[in-house]
Amino acid sequence: MKSVVVVKISAILLLVLVVVVLIVQNLTPAPLNFLFFQTQSVPVIVIILVTLAIGYAIGLLSYRLLFGGIIKREKEEAEAKPSPKKKVSEAEKENWDPDGSEVPAADKKKRK
């Protein structure tokens, strides 16, 4: 169990290190032209992060458009089905102990 936690923490630290290196190496300004918008100097990291956010939004929206209806329909079908309930026999009802103490059935009959 501890090794899984160590692997996860190591992966997080590695990703943080990659992001820090990416930021430090891309602080130089670059010109940006988009449709009618023009600027002389925007840090490259800002362009990268904005592009990443736009790509994430496109992926999320396209996933929901393509698969959202299917997931919703499956969820509604699952809720519409009756859940299978376990049948309890009369013997199990008779031996049920609400206190949780395990007393053999023969002892219960003696107590009555």
N, C-alpha and C. Protein backbone atom coordinates (compact mmCIF):
# COMPACT_ATOMS: atom_id res chain seq x y z
N MET A 1 0.82 -1.20 0.00
CA MET A 1 0.00 0.00 0.00
C MET A 1 0.86 1.26 0.00
N LYS A 2 1.95 1.22 0.78
CA LYS A 2 2.81 2.39 0.86
C LYS A 2 3.54 2.63 -0.46
N SER A 3 3.88 1.56 -1.17
CA SER A 3 4.59 1.73 -2.43
C SER A 3 3.72 2.43 -3.47
N VAL A 4 2.40 2.22 -3.44
CA VAL A 4 1.49 2.88 -4.35
C VAL A 4 1.48 4.38 -4.06
N VAL A 5 1.47 4.74 -2.80
CA VAL A 5 1.49 6.15 -2.40
C VAL A 5 2.80 6.80 -2.84
N VAL A 6 3.89 6.10 -2.67
CA VAL A 6 5.19 6.63 -3.07
C VAL A 6 5.23 6.86 -4.58
N VAL A 7 4.68 5.93 -5.35
CA VAL A 7 4.65 6.08 -6.81
C VAL A 7 3.80 7.28 -7.20
N LYS A 8 2.64 7.45 -6.56
CA LYS A 8 1.77 8.58 -6.87
C LYS A 8 2.44 9.92 -6.53
N ILE A 9 3.06 9.99 -5.37
CA ILE A 9 3.74 11.22 -4.97
C ILE A 9 4.91 11.51 -5.92
N SER A 10 5.64 10.47 -6.32
CA SER A 10 6.74 10.66 -7.26
C SER A 10 6.24 11.16 -8.60
N ALA A 11 5.13 10.63 -9.08
CA ALA A 11 4.56 11.08 -10.35
C ALA A 11 4.11 12.53 -10.27
N ILE A 12 3.50 12.91 -9.16
CA ILE A 12 3.07 14.31 -8.98
C ILE A 12 4.28 15.23 -8.96
N LEU A 13 5.31 14.86 -8.21
CA LEU A 13 6.52 15.70 -8.15
C LEU A 13 7.20 15.81 -9.51
N LEU A 14 7.21 14.73 -10.27
CA LEU A 14 7.79 14.76 -11.61
C LEU A 14 7.01 15.70 -12.52
N LEU A 15 5.68 15.64 -12.46
CA LEU A 15 4.85 16.54 -13.27
C LEU A 15 5.04 18.00 -12.87
N VAL A 16 5.14 18.26 -11.58
CA VAL A 16 5.37 19.62 -11.10
C VAL A 16 6.72 20.12 -11.62
N LEU A 17 7.73 19.27 -11.58
CA LEU A 17 9.05 19.64 -12.08
C LEU A 17 9.00 19.96 -13.57
N VAL A 18 8.28 19.15 -14.34
CA VAL A 18 8.15 19.38 -15.78
C VAL A 18 7.46 20.72 -16.04
N VAL A 19 6.42 21.02 -15.29
CA VAL A 19 5.70 22.29 -15.47
C VAL A 19 6.59 23.47 -15.11
N VAL A 20 7.35 23.37 -14.04
CA VAL A 20 8.25 24.46 -13.63
C VAL A 20 9.31 24.70 -14.69
N VAL A 21 9.89 23.63 -15.23
CA VAL A 21 10.90 23.78 -16.28
C VAL A 21 10.27 24.40 -17.52
N LEU A 22 9.06 23.98 -17.88
CA LEU A 22 8.35 24.54 -19.03
C LEU A 22 8.12 26.05 -18.85
N ILE A 23 7.72 26.43 -17.67
CA ILE A 23 7.47 27.86 -17.39
C ILE A 23 8.76 28.66 -17.47
N VAL A 24 9.81 28.18 -16.82
CA VAL A 24 11.08 28.92 -16.77
C VAL A 24 11.68 29.07 -18.17
N GLN A 25 11.58 28.03 -19.00
CA GLN A 25 12.19 28.09 -20.32
C GLN A 25 11.36 28.86 -21.34
N ASN A 26 10.12 29.19 -21.02
CA ASN A 26 9.25 29.85 -21.98
C ASN A 26 8.73 31.19 -21.49
N LEU A 27 9.58 31.93 -20.80
CA LEU A 27 9.20 33.26 -20.34
C LEU A 27 9.51 34.35 -21.36
N THR A 28 10.22 34.00 -22.39
CA THR A 28 10.58 35.01 -23.39
C THR A 28 9.33 35.47 -24.14
N PRO A 29 9.26 36.77 -24.42
CA PRO A 29 8.09 37.28 -25.12
C PRO A 29 8.11 36.94 -26.61
N ALA A 30 6.91 36.79 -27.16
CA ALA A 30 6.77 36.51 -28.59
C ALA A 30 5.58 37.29 -29.11
N PRO A 31 5.62 37.69 -30.38
CA PRO A 31 4.45 38.38 -30.93
C PRO A 31 3.29 37.40 -31.13
N LEU A 32 2.08 37.91 -30.99
CA LEU A 32 0.88 37.08 -31.14
C LEU A 32 -0.08 37.75 -32.10
N ASN A 33 -0.48 37.04 -33.12
CA ASN A 33 -1.48 37.51 -34.08
C ASN A 33 -2.61 36.49 -34.12
N PHE A 34 -3.82 36.94 -33.84
CA PHE A 34 -4.99 36.07 -33.92
C PHE A 34 -6.15 36.89 -34.48
N LEU A 35 -6.59 36.52 -35.66
CA LEU A 35 -7.63 37.24 -36.39
C LEU A 35 -7.29 38.73 -36.45
N PHE A 36 -8.05 39.56 -35.77
CA PHE A 36 -7.79 41.00 -35.79
C PHE A 36 -7.00 41.46 -34.57
N PHE A 37 -6.65 40.54 -33.70
CA PHE A 37 -5.93 40.87 -32.47
C PHE A 37 -4.43 40.72 -32.72
N GLN A 38 -3.67 41.75 -32.39
CA GLN A 38 -2.22 41.71 -32.55
C GLN A 38 -1.56 42.30 -31.31
N THR A 39 -0.52 41.64 -30.88
CA THR A 39 0.27 42.17 -29.78
C THR A 39 1.74 41.91 -30.07
N GLN A 40 2.58 42.74 -29.54
CA GLN A 40 4.01 42.64 -29.82
C GLN A 40 4.73 41.65 -28.91
N SER A 41 4.26 41.53 -27.65
CA SER A 41 4.99 40.65 -26.74
C SER A 41 4.05 39.99 -25.73
N VAL A 42 3.97 38.69 -25.84
CA VAL A 42 3.25 37.86 -24.88
C VAL A 42 4.19 36.71 -24.52
N PRO A 43 4.35 36.41 -23.24
CA PRO A 43 5.21 35.28 -22.89
C PRO A 43 4.71 33.99 -23.56
N VAL A 44 5.65 33.21 -24.03
CA VAL A 44 5.30 31.97 -24.74
C VAL A 44 4.51 31.03 -23.84
N ILE A 45 4.80 31.02 -22.55
CA ILE A 45 4.08 30.13 -21.64
C ILE A 45 2.59 30.49 -21.58
N VAL A 46 2.26 31.77 -21.71
CA VAL A 46 0.86 32.18 -21.71
C VAL A 46 0.17 31.62 -22.95
N ILE A 47 0.85 31.68 -24.09
CA ILE A 47 0.28 31.13 -25.32
C ILE A 47 0.08 29.62 -25.18
N ILE A 48 1.05 28.95 -24.59
CA ILE A 48 0.95 27.50 -24.40
C ILE A 48 -0.23 27.16 -23.48
N LEU A 49 -0.34 27.87 -22.35
CA LEU A 49 -1.41 27.56 -21.39
C LEU A 49 -2.80 27.88 -21.95
N VAL A 50 -2.92 28.97 -22.69
CA VAL A 50 -4.21 29.30 -23.30
C VAL A 50 -4.59 28.25 -24.34
N THR A 51 -3.62 27.83 -25.14
CA THR A 51 -3.87 26.79 -26.13
C THR A 51 -4.27 25.48 -25.45
N LEU A 52 -3.60 25.15 -24.36
CA LEU A 52 -3.93 23.95 -23.60
C LEU A 52 -5.36 24.02 -23.05
N ALA A 53 -5.74 25.15 -22.50
CA ALA A 53 -7.09 25.32 -21.95
C ALA A 53 -8.15 25.22 -23.04
N ILE A 54 -7.87 25.81 -24.20
CA ILE A 54 -8.82 25.72 -25.31
C ILE A 54 -8.95 24.28 -25.79
N GLY A 55 -7.85 23.57 -25.88
CA GLY A 55 -7.88 22.16 -26.28
C GLY A 55 -8.65 21.30 -25.29
N TYR A 56 -8.47 21.57 -24.01
CA TYR A 56 -9.20 20.84 -22.97
C TYR A 56 -10.70 21.09 -23.09
N ALA A 57 -11.08 22.36 -23.31
CA ALA A 57 -12.49 22.70 -23.44
C ALA A 57 -13.11 22.03 -24.68
N ILE A 58 -12.38 22.02 -25.78
CA ILE A 58 -12.88 21.37 -26.99
C ILE A 58 -13.05 19.87 -26.74
N GLY A 59 -12.09 19.25 -26.10
CA GLY A 59 -12.19 17.82 -25.80
C GLY A 59 -13.35 17.50 -24.88
N LEU A 60 -13.54 18.30 -23.85
CA LEU A 60 -14.63 18.08 -22.90
C LEU A 60 -15.98 18.25 -23.57
N LEU A 61 -16.14 19.31 -24.35
CA LEU A 61 -17.41 19.56 -25.02
C LEU A 61 -17.70 18.49 -26.07
N SER A 62 -16.70 18.09 -26.83
CA SER A 62 -16.94 17.07 -27.85
C SER A 62 -17.26 15.72 -27.19
N TYR A 63 -16.64 15.40 -26.08
CA TYR A 63 -16.94 14.16 -25.36
C TYR A 63 -18.40 14.17 -24.88
N ARG A 64 -18.82 15.28 -24.31
CA ARG A 64 -20.20 15.37 -23.83
C ARG A 64 -21.19 15.32 -24.96
N LEU A 65 -20.86 15.94 -26.10
CA LEU A 65 -21.77 15.89 -27.24
C LEU A 65 -21.86 14.49 -27.82
N LEU A 66 -20.73 13.80 -27.90
CA LEU A 66 -20.72 12.48 -28.50
C LEU A 66 -21.24 11.39 -27.56
N PHE A 67 -20.86 11.46 -26.30
CA PHE A 67 -21.18 10.37 -25.37
C PHE A 67 -22.13 10.76 -24.25
N GLY A 68 -22.45 12.02 -24.11
CA GLY A 68 -23.31 12.47 -23.02
C GLY A 68 -24.69 11.84 -23.06
N GLY A 69 -25.29 11.75 -24.24
CA GLY A 69 -26.61 11.14 -24.36
C GLY A 69 -26.59 9.67 -24.03
N ILE A 70 -25.54 8.97 -24.44
CA ILE A 70 -25.43 7.54 -24.17
C ILE A 70 -25.30 7.29 -22.68
N ILE A 71 -24.46 8.06 -22.02
CA ILE A 71 -24.26 7.89 -20.58
C ILE A 71 -25.54 8.21 -19.83
N LYS A 72 -26.22 9.28 -20.21
CA LYS A 72 -27.46 9.66 -19.55
C LYS A 72 -28.52 8.58 -19.73
N ARG A 73 -28.62 8.02 -20.95
CA ARG A 73 -29.60 6.99 -21.23
C ARG A 73 -29.31 5.73 -20.41
N GLU A 74 -28.04 5.33 -20.33
CA GLU A 74 -27.67 4.16 -19.54
C GLU A 74 -27.97 4.37 -18.06
N LYS A 75 -27.74 5.57 -17.57
CA LYS A 75 -28.02 5.87 -16.17
C LYS A 75 -29.51 5.79 -15.89
N GLU A 76 -30.33 6.33 -16.81
CA GLU A 76 -31.78 6.28 -16.63
C GLU A 76 -32.29 4.84 -16.68
N GLU A 77 -31.73 4.03 -17.57
CA GLU A 77 -32.13 2.62 -17.65
C GLU A 77 -31.76 1.87 -16.38
N ALA A 78 -30.59 2.18 -15.83
CA ALA A 78 -30.16 1.51 -14.60
C ALA A 78 -31.06 1.89 -13.43
N GLU A 79 -31.50 3.16 -13.39
CA GLU A 79 -32.39 3.60 -12.31
C GLU A 79 -33.78 3.02 -12.47
N ALA A 80 -34.20 2.75 -13.71
CA ALA A 80 -35.55 2.22 -13.95
C ALA A 80 -35.67 0.75 -13.58
N LYS A 81 -34.56 0.00 -13.64
CA LYS A 81 -34.59 -1.41 -13.29
C LYS A 81 -34.76 -1.57 -11.79
N PRO A 82 -35.62 -2.51 -11.36
CA PRO A 82 -35.73 -2.75 -9.92
C PRO A 82 -34.47 -3.45 -9.43
N SER A 83 -34.01 -3.05 -8.27
CA SER A 83 -32.81 -3.67 -7.72
C SER A 83 -33.18 -5.03 -7.15
N PRO A 84 -32.35 -6.03 -7.41
CA PRO A 84 -32.63 -7.36 -6.88
C PRO A 84 -32.45 -7.36 -5.36
N LYS A 85 -33.47 -7.82 -4.68
CA LYS A 85 -33.40 -7.87 -3.22
C LYS A 85 -33.19 -9.31 -2.78
N LYS A 86 -32.42 -9.48 -1.76
CA LYS A 86 -32.14 -10.80 -1.23
C LYS A 86 -33.36 -11.28 -0.44
N LYS A 87 -33.78 -12.48 -0.76
CA LYS A 87 -34.90 -13.05 -0.02
C LYS A 87 -34.39 -13.62 1.29
N VAL A 88 -35.08 -13.29 2.36
CA VAL A 88 -34.70 -13.73 3.69
C VAL A 88 -35.67 -14.82 4.11
N SER A 89 -35.12 -15.96 4.48
CA SER A 89 -35.97 -17.07 4.89
C SER A 89 -36.51 -16.82 6.30
N GLU A 90 -37.53 -17.57 6.64
CA GLU A 90 -38.12 -17.45 7.97
C GLU A 90 -37.12 -17.84 9.06
N ALA A 91 -36.26 -18.81 8.76
CA ALA A 91 -35.25 -19.24 9.73
C ALA A 91 -34.26 -18.10 10.00
N GLU A 92 -33.87 -17.38 8.96
CA GLU A 92 -32.94 -16.27 9.15
C GLU A 92 -33.61 -15.14 9.93
N LYS A 93 -34.89 -14.92 9.69
CA LYS A 93 -35.61 -13.89 10.44
C LYS A 93 -35.68 -14.25 11.91
N GLU A 94 -35.89 -15.55 12.19
CA GLU A 94 -36.01 -16.01 13.57
C GLU A 94 -34.68 -15.91 14.30
N ASN A 95 -33.59 -16.16 13.59
CA ASN A 95 -32.26 -16.14 14.21
C ASN A 95 -31.61 -14.77 14.21
N TRP A 96 -32.28 -13.76 13.66
CA TRP A 96 -31.70 -12.42 13.57
C TRP A 96 -31.56 -11.82 14.96
N ASP A 97 -30.39 -11.25 15.21
CA ASP A 97 -30.10 -10.65 16.51
C ASP A 97 -29.78 -9.18 16.32
N PRO A 98 -30.67 -8.26 16.72
CA PRO A 98 -30.43 -6.84 16.50
C PRO A 98 -29.25 -6.29 17.29
N ASP A 99 -28.87 -6.94 18.38
CA ASP A 99 -27.75 -6.46 19.20
C ASP A 99 -26.40 -6.80 18.58
N GLY A 100 -26.39 -7.77 17.70
CA GLY A 100 -25.14 -8.15 17.07
C GLY A 100 -24.38 -9.20 17.85
N SER A 101 -24.87 -9.59 19.01
CA SER A 101 -24.20 -10.64 19.77
C SER A 101 -24.58 -11.98 19.15
N GLU A 102 -23.60 -12.84 19.04
CA GLU A 102 -23.85 -14.11 18.37
C GLU A 102 -24.18 -15.17 19.41
N VAL A 103 -25.44 -15.43 19.56
CA VAL A 103 -25.90 -16.47 20.46
C VAL A 103 -26.45 -17.59 19.59
N PRO A 104 -26.03 -18.81 19.81
CA PRO A 104 -26.55 -19.91 19.00
C PRO A 104 -28.07 -20.00 19.08
N ALA A 105 -28.67 -20.50 18.01
CA ALA A 105 -30.12 -20.59 17.92
C ALA A 105 -30.71 -21.45 19.04
N ALA A 106 -29.98 -22.50 19.45
CA ALA A 106 -30.48 -23.38 20.52
C ALA A 106 -30.58 -22.60 21.84
N ASP A 107 -29.59 -21.73 22.13
CA ASP A 107 -29.62 -20.92 23.34
C ASP A 107 -30.76 -19.92 23.32
N LYS A 108 -31.08 -19.41 22.14
CA LYS A 108 -32.18 -18.44 22.02
C LYS A 108 -33.49 -19.11 22.38
N LYS A 109 -33.67 -20.35 21.96
CA LYS A 109 -34.92 -21.07 22.26
C LYS A 109 -35.02 -21.35 23.76
N LYS A 110 -33.87 -21.61 24.42
CA LYS A 110 -33.89 -21.85 25.85
C LYS A 110 -34.28 -20.60 26.62
N ARG A 111 -33.86 -19.43 26.13
CA ARG A 111 -34.15 -18.17 26.80
C ARG A 111 -35.62 -17.83 26.75
N LYS A 112 -36.31 -18.25 25.71
CA LYS A 112 -37.73 -17.90 25.52
C LYS A 112 -38.60 -18.63 26.44
